[in-house]
Amino acid sequence: MGEGLRGTVIEQLPQALYRVSLDSGHVITAHGTGDIRRNFVRILVGDRVVVRVSPLDVTRGRIIGRLEPGGRRQNDDDGR
């Protein structure tokens, strides 16, 4: 699966931002990676996602994938 934290999208914000509640209980603001936008992956409120948190600002991050209901990643941004 690689690195990243799992969470749930709780709000869709303007400018392609999302508010994500992590499984650890923290809430962060995240945006989708270029691969998610290029592949037209739609992210909706309630979706389970994998997020990489910024090392410089722990309240912000990047959505690197959406989880299928079984818990597997739907897309893989590094292709490995």
Protein backbone atom coordinates (compact mmCIF):
# COMPACT_ATOMS: atom_id res chain seq x y z
CA MET A 1 0.00 0.00 0.00
CA GLY A 2 2.89 2.37 0.57
CA GLU A 3 2.96 5.27 2.92
CA GLY A 4 -0.10 7.30 3.80
CA LEU A 5 -2.86 7.62 6.34
CA ARG A 6 -6.43 6.50 5.84
CA GLY A 7 -9.40 8.76 6.37
CA THR A 8 -12.88 9.77 5.27
CA VAL A 9 -13.84 12.83 3.23
CA ILE A 10 -16.22 14.87 5.40
CA GLU A 11 -16.55 18.06 3.33
CA GLN A 12 -15.90 19.30 -0.18
CA LEU A 13 -14.36 22.79 -0.23
CA PRO A 14 -13.85 25.33 -3.04
CA GLN A 15 -10.76 25.15 -5.29
CA ALA A 16 -10.65 21.32 -5.34
CA LEU A 17 -9.93 21.02 -1.61
CA TYR A 18 -11.40 18.47 0.77
CA ARG A 19 -11.71 18.23 4.53
CA VAL A 20 -10.63 14.73 5.59
CA SER A 21 -11.14 13.11 8.98
CA LEU A 22 -8.22 10.73 9.55
CA ASP A 23 -8.66 7.42 11.36
CA SER A 24 -6.47 8.86 14.14
CA GLY A 25 -9.15 11.50 14.81
CA HIS A 26 -7.35 14.50 13.31
CA VAL A 27 -9.03 16.62 10.63
CA ILE A 28 -6.92 18.00 7.77
CA THR A 29 -7.43 19.93 4.54
CA ALA A 30 -6.26 17.99 1.48
CA HIS A 31 -6.15 18.27 -2.29
CA GLY A 32 -5.96 15.57 -4.95
CA THR A 33 -2.73 14.68 -6.74
CA GLY A 34 -2.24 15.39 -10.43
CA ASP A 35 -2.89 11.72 -11.24
CA ILE A 36 -6.28 11.88 -9.57
CA ARG A 37 -7.23 14.94 -11.63
CA ARG A 38 -5.76 13.51 -14.86
CA ASN A 39 -7.59 10.20 -14.48
CA PHE A 40 -10.86 11.95 -13.58
CA VAL A 41 -11.18 10.14 -10.24
CA ARG A 42 -14.22 11.63 -8.56
CA ILE A 43 -13.94 12.12 -4.81
CA LEU A 44 -17.20 12.57 -2.92
CA VAL A 45 -18.16 13.19 0.69
CA GLY A 46 -18.06 9.86 2.53
CA ASP A 47 -15.33 8.31 0.36
CA ARG A 48 -12.48 6.50 2.11
CA VAL A 49 -9.13 7.89 0.93
CA VAL A 50 -5.38 7.55 1.51
CA VAL A 51 -3.67 10.83 2.42
CA ARG A 52 -0.03 11.92 2.65
CA VAL A 53 0.34 14.60 5.31
CA SER A 54 2.73 17.49 4.68
CA PRO A 55 5.84 17.36 6.91
CA LEU A 56 5.84 21.17 7.08
CA ASP A 57 2.17 21.69 8.01
CA VAL A 58 0.41 18.74 9.62
CA THR A 59 -3.02 20.31 8.99
CA ARG A 60 -2.61 19.94 5.20
CA GLY A 61 -2.11 16.96 2.93
CA ARG A 62 -2.53 15.33 -0.47
CA ILE A 63 -5.06 12.64 -1.40
CA ILE A 64 -3.04 9.93 -3.13
CA GLY A 65 -5.79 7.38 -3.66
CA ARG A 66 -9.37 6.37 -3.04
CA LEU A 67 -10.17 3.12 -1.26
CA GLU A 68 -12.65 0.59 -2.58
CA PRO A 69 -15.24 -0.72 -0.10
CA GLY A 70 -13.03 -3.78 0.53
CA GLY A 71 -10.18 -1.55 1.71
CA ARG A 72 -7.99 -1.86 -1.41
CA ARG A 73 -6.62 1.16 -3.28
CA GLN A 74 -8.58 1.99 -6.41
CA ASN A 75 -5.71 3.82 -8.09
CA ASP A 76 -1.99 3.88 -7.45
CA ASP A 77 -0.19 7.14 -8.13
CA ASP A 78 3.30 5.65 -8.44
CA GLY A 79 2.30 2.65 -10.59
CA ARG A 80 4.26 0.08 -8.58
